[in-house]
Amino acid sequence: MALARLLQPEDVAVLDYEAHPEASDLVLHGSSTLSTGSRWRDFHLEIHHQPAHDTGEHLHKMHILTMVTSSTPINQAIDGQSQQCTSGHNNAFILPAGALHRCDWRRDIEFMFVGFDPQVFAEIGQEVTNPDRIELIPHFATLEDPLLQGILLTLKQEIETEGLNTQLFVDQLKTTLVMHLVRNYGARKIQVATYHDGLPSYKLSQAIDYIEAHLDRNLELADLAQQTGISPFYFSRLFKQSLGITPHQYVIRQRVERARQLIQRGELGLAEIALECGFANQGHLNRHFKRLTGVTPKEIARTYKKGKNV
């Protein structure tokens, strides 16, 4: 670890998003346009549109991945190394926790960043070689990585969509993103264990039973993985090997099926059914129901009602 990461001079801002979700205000000209605040555990995301600015020296207590979503030239210094970056659209940079950083730009800039509690990387490390040696390499704002870009833009869509129960989907994106960072931007090459047979049948049954019993809740990947005694990352991979779809996709399908059954009974309104099945609202139900069945819940309800009246 560089000496700069061990020293914390009094004039260097220390950004701790877990203790202060608005910590970026210490080094930026204005507040974020959107932020997760304390909504996502061990994980922080912000979207910014900032005028020309110099951040001054600072460091983060989280590992930070930033994507510049505008074509804005920037000057960066990371742990004493400087570089002028003609940042292209959606270029990214990586700041390990504790890395001393300074950045300035001379015209408006748009960017987003995600911060990860280092403990998240330690948890992923339980499944890889030398888990105690996981360390990210700093990278300036020149990274062009389609997978990073795709995941970050998807996360941006999630934070812009208010009120949807998307924790399981976000968890899957987070674990995929962390493993991608560890495998491709770590200081040491790691070996990831591979499995080919999916989850043992009894573990798969445990996970499915838990999902069925908690469909009306905002399920988290960690909760599902805990039922099988393996890490969230490997649970997600093995679940997909077993059923051919991700845990999030399976949950959505089961919610739609339960909604169809409740519609058929005709005892509840569609808004009540949406909440009963774990959807955030009726619009959320409508979107997934139409996508998976080809018809809307109202069309299904009319069909069953007409059949009863015949």
Foldseek 3Di string as FASTA:
>chain_A
DAPQLVDDDPPAQEAECCVPVQSQVLQAPDGFPFWCRPVAPQKIKTKHKGFWGKRPKYFYQFKKKKWWQDQFWKWKAWSRDIDTDRADHGFMWIHHGSIIMIMTTHGITIMMMMTGNVVVQLLVLVQKPPSVQWDFDTGPRHHDDVLVSVLVVVVVVVRVDPQWLCQAVNQQSVLVVSVVRRCPGTPDHMDGDDDQQADDPVLLVQLVVVLVVQQLDSDHLCVSCVSNVGGSNVNQVRNCSHPVDGPVVVSLVVLLVQLLVVLLVVPDDQQVSCNVRNTRGSVRSQVSNCVVPVDGSVVSSVVSVVVVVD
